[in-house]
Amino acid sequence: MRHVLPALGILAIAVSTARAQNLLADLTQPQEGRSRRASSTDSDIDANEDGETLLPGQTLVVADLAGPGVIKHIWNTATSLNPFVGRELVLRIFWDGAERPSVEVPLGDFFGVGHGAMKTFQSLPVSVSSYGRSRNCFWRMPFRKHAKITVTNENELRFGPVAFYYYVDWEQVDQLP
């Protein structure tokens, strides 16, 4: 038994390395779709002032995408006087014209950091860095006709506005499997 555990550990490392190499193999392959981005970027501004301002109770449409397509990456950051801004901003994702969201969750929770905490967190599909200020997710989210992503400032404590910066990288495709 004493020799089996180290052998299992070596096997686990070999398997995870092989999986990581397979994930990277797609980087050199031609992609069928067309890369697109929805963003808070304002091309008229030559500074880092291109975020959207969200007042308490206000909803921002982050992306309104015509499909078929696949969302591949979402990044965002928010600045606020509210130390629990990750709990007060609510992310909603609507698929293919649905009236009710399929995803409805506090922003921080979606990115793996619950209770509004400002923490660094790393996993394969989600990365939160800079003490919770920069959020990335790499969930592949396909949609046939339409996808809409919104963020609502549900802050009732009136900490004032939230500056919200984001981009959604997606691929427009001819069809989905």
Protein backbone atom coordinates (compact mmCIF):
# COMPACT_ATOMS: atom_id res chain seq x y z
CA MET A 1 0.00 0.00 0.00
CA ARG A 2 2.90 2.30 0.78
CA HIS A 3 4.09 2.13 -2.85
CA VAL A 4 0.63 2.34 -4.40
CA LEU A 5 -0.15 5.89 -3.19
CA PRO A 6 2.93 7.53 -4.79
CA ALA A 7 2.23 5.63 -8.03
CA LEU A 8 -1.37 6.87 -8.02
CA GLY A 9 -0.14 10.43 -7.46
CA ILE A 10 2.23 10.19 -10.43
CA LEU A 11 -0.56 8.75 -12.58
CA ALA A 12 -2.91 11.59 -11.57
CA ILE A 13 -0.30 14.21 -12.52
CA ALA A 14 0.30 12.51 -15.89
CA VAL A 15 -3.44 12.40 -16.65
CA SER A 16 -3.99 16.06 -15.71
CA THR A 17 -0.95 17.12 -17.80
CA ALA A 18 -2.29 15.20 -20.81
CA ARG A 19 -5.72 16.84 -20.40
CA ALA A 20 -4.15 20.32 -20.22
CA GLN A 21 -2.15 19.63 -23.39
CA ASN A 22 -5.33 18.50 -25.16
CA LEU A 23 -7.05 21.75 -24.16
CA LEU A 24 -4.20 23.77 -25.64
CA ALA A 25 -4.12 21.72 -28.88
CA ASP A 26 -7.19 23.60 -30.14
CA LEU A 27 -5.26 26.88 -30.08
CA THR A 28 -3.47 25.99 -33.32
CA GLN A 29 -6.56 24.73 -35.16
CA PRO A 30 -8.64 26.91 -37.47
CA GLN A 31 -11.95 27.88 -35.92
CA GLU A 32 -15.20 27.70 -37.87
CA GLY A 33 -16.93 30.73 -36.35
CA ARG A 34 -16.30 34.46 -36.32
CA SER A 35 -14.92 36.05 -33.16
CA ARG A 36 -17.05 38.79 -31.65
CA ARG A 37 -16.96 40.94 -28.51
CA ALA A 38 -19.56 42.89 -26.55
CA SER A 39 -17.81 45.46 -24.38
CA SER A 40 -18.08 48.55 -22.21
CA THR A 41 -15.29 50.06 -24.33
CA ASP A 42 -16.03 53.45 -25.79
CA SER A 43 -13.92 54.03 -28.90
CA ASP A 44 -14.24 57.82 -28.49
CA ILE A 45 -12.39 57.84 -25.16
CA ASP A 46 -8.61 57.64 -25.02
CA ALA A 47 -8.48 56.77 -21.32
CA ASN A 48 -9.65 54.20 -18.81
CA GLU A 49 -13.03 55.89 -18.42
CA ASP A 50 -15.07 53.52 -20.52
CA GLY A 51 -17.08 51.75 -17.85
CA GLU A 52 -20.82 51.89 -17.48
CA THR A 53 -22.35 53.59 -14.44
CA LEU A 54 -25.02 51.57 -12.63
CA LEU A 55 -27.21 53.46 -10.20
CA PRO A 56 -29.09 51.53 -7.47
CA GLY A 57 -31.96 49.64 -9.12
CA GLN A 58 -30.59 50.12 -12.65
CA THR A 59 -30.14 47.25 -15.12
CA LEU A 60 -27.44 47.24 -17.79
CA VAL A 61 -27.66 45.07 -20.90
CA VAL A 62 -24.11 43.72 -21.10
CA ALA A 63 -24.62 41.69 -24.28
CA ASP A 64 -27.46 41.22 -26.75
CA LEU A 65 -26.24 38.55 -29.16
CA ALA A 66 -27.80 37.11 -32.32
CA GLY A 67 -27.08 33.41 -32.79
CA PRO A 68 -26.30 30.78 -33.30
CA GLY A 69 -23.21 31.31 -31.22
CA VAL A 70 -21.09 30.30 -28.26
CA ILE A 71 -20.09 32.60 -25.41
CA LYS A 72 -16.49 31.69 -24.61
CA HIS A 73 -15.27 34.24 -22.08
CA ILE A 74 -16.72 36.87 -19.76
CA TRP A 75 -14.52 39.40 -17.94
CA ASN A 76 -15.61 42.20 -15.65
CA THR A 77 -14.59 44.44 -12.82
CA ALA A 78 -16.62 46.84 -10.70
CA THR A 79 -15.70 49.76 -8.48
CA SER A 80 -17.98 50.83 -5.68
CA LEU A 81 -17.95 52.18 -2.15
CA ASN A 82 -19.91 49.04 -1.26
CA PRO A 83 -17.50 46.36 0.05
CA PHE A 84 -20.06 43.68 -0.94
CA VAL A 85 -20.57 44.79 -4.53
CA GLY A 86 -20.16 41.17 -5.71
CA ARG A 87 -23.36 40.30 -3.86
CA GLU A 88 -25.30 43.45 -4.82
CA LEU A 89 -24.81 43.11 -8.59
CA VAL A 90 -27.06 40.39 -10.02
CA LEU A 91 -26.18 38.63 -13.26
CA ARG A 92 -29.00 37.34 -15.48
CA ILE A 93 -28.63 35.36 -18.69
CA PHE A 94 -31.55 34.78 -21.04
CA TRP A 95 -31.38 32.17 -23.82
CA ASP A 96 -33.23 32.12 -27.13
CA GLY A 97 -35.88 34.72 -26.34
CA ALA A 98 -36.95 33.36 -22.94
CA GLU A 99 -38.81 35.88 -20.77
CA ARG A 100 -37.30 34.51 -17.55
CA PRO A 101 -33.53 34.15 -17.07
CA SER A 102 -31.93 30.71 -17.06
CA VAL A 103 -29.13 32.16 -14.92
CA GLU A 104 -29.94 34.53 -12.06
CA VAL A 105 -27.19 34.85 -9.48
CA PRO A 106 -25.15 37.45 -7.59
CA LEU A 107 -22.17 38.34 -9.75
CA GLY A 108 -19.54 37.16 -7.25
CA ASP A 109 -21.28 33.79 -6.81
CA PHE A 110 -21.27 33.18 -10.58
CA PHE A 111 -17.51 33.64 -10.54
CA GLY A 112 -17.04 31.26 -7.60
CA VAL A 113 -16.68 33.79 -4.77
CA GLY A 114 -19.80 33.83 -2.61
CA HIS A 115 -21.14 36.10 0.13
CA GLY A 116 -19.87 39.20 -1.66
CA ALA A 117 -16.32 38.43 -0.55
CA MET A 118 -13.45 40.11 -2.36
CA LYS A 119 -11.11 37.13 -2.72
CA THR A 120 -8.75 35.66 -5.28
CA PHE A 121 -9.98 32.32 -6.64
CA GLN A 122 -8.61 30.01 -9.34
CA SER A 123 -10.16 27.01 -11.07
CA LEU A 124 -10.17 25.68 -14.62
CA PRO A 125 -13.32 27.52 -15.81
CA VAL A 126 -13.18 30.55 -13.47
CA SER A 127 -10.42 32.93 -12.41
CA VAL A 128 -10.82 35.80 -9.97
CA SER A 129 -7.71 37.89 -9.33
CA SER A 130 -6.61 41.17 -7.76
CA TYR A 131 -8.37 40.34 -4.48
CA GLY A 132 -11.71 39.78 -6.19
CA ARG A 133 -11.67 42.80 -8.47
CA SER A 134 -11.05 41.05 -11.82
CA ARG A 135 -13.45 38.24 -12.72
CA ASN A 136 -13.04 35.83 -15.66
CA CYS A 137 -15.05 32.82 -16.68
CA PHE A 138 -14.41 30.46 -19.53
CA TRP A 139 -17.67 28.50 -19.44
CA ARG A 140 -18.67 27.62 -23.01
CA MET A 141 -22.29 28.71 -23.30
CA PRO A 142 -23.93 27.86 -26.65
CA PHE A 143 -27.17 29.43 -27.85
CA ARG A 144 -29.23 28.79 -30.95
CA LYS A 145 -31.06 32.06 -31.63
CA HIS A 146 -30.29 34.71 -29.06
CA ALA A 147 -28.46 35.39 -25.81
CA LYS A 148 -28.92 38.38 -23.53
CA ILE A 149 -26.80 39.12 -20.47
CA THR A 150 -27.79 41.77 -17.95
CA VAL A 151 -26.37 43.07 -14.69
CA THR A 152 -28.61 44.83 -12.15
CA ASN A 153 -27.43 46.95 -9.23
CA GLU A 154 -29.72 45.67 -6.47
CA ASN A 155 -28.01 47.70 -3.78
CA GLU A 156 -30.63 48.94 -1.33
CA LEU A 157 -28.10 50.51 1.03
CA ARG A 158 -27.48 53.37 -1.38
CA PHE A 159 -23.70 53.22 -1.57
CA GLY A 160 -24.04 55.22 -4.74
CA PRO A 161 -23.23 54.25 -8.29
CA VAL A 162 -21.12 51.32 -9.42
CA ALA A 163 -18.63 51.70 -12.27
CA PHE A 164 -18.83 48.46 -14.26
CA TYR A 165 -16.33 47.42 -16.92
CA TYR A 166 -16.84 44.26 -18.95
CA TYR A 167 -16.40 42.29 -22.11
CA VAL A 168 -18.05 39.17 -23.44
CA ASP A 169 -16.09 37.22 -26.04
CA TRP A 170 -18.20 34.98 -28.21
CA GLU A 171 -18.11 33.14 -31.47
CA GLN A 172 -20.82 33.50 -34.07
CA VAL A 173 -21.26 30.18 -35.90
CA ASP A 174 -23.33 28.95 -38.84
CA GLN A 175 -24.85 26.14 -36.79
CA LEU A 176 -24.48 24.28 -33.53
CA PRO A 177 -24.08 20.51 -33.27
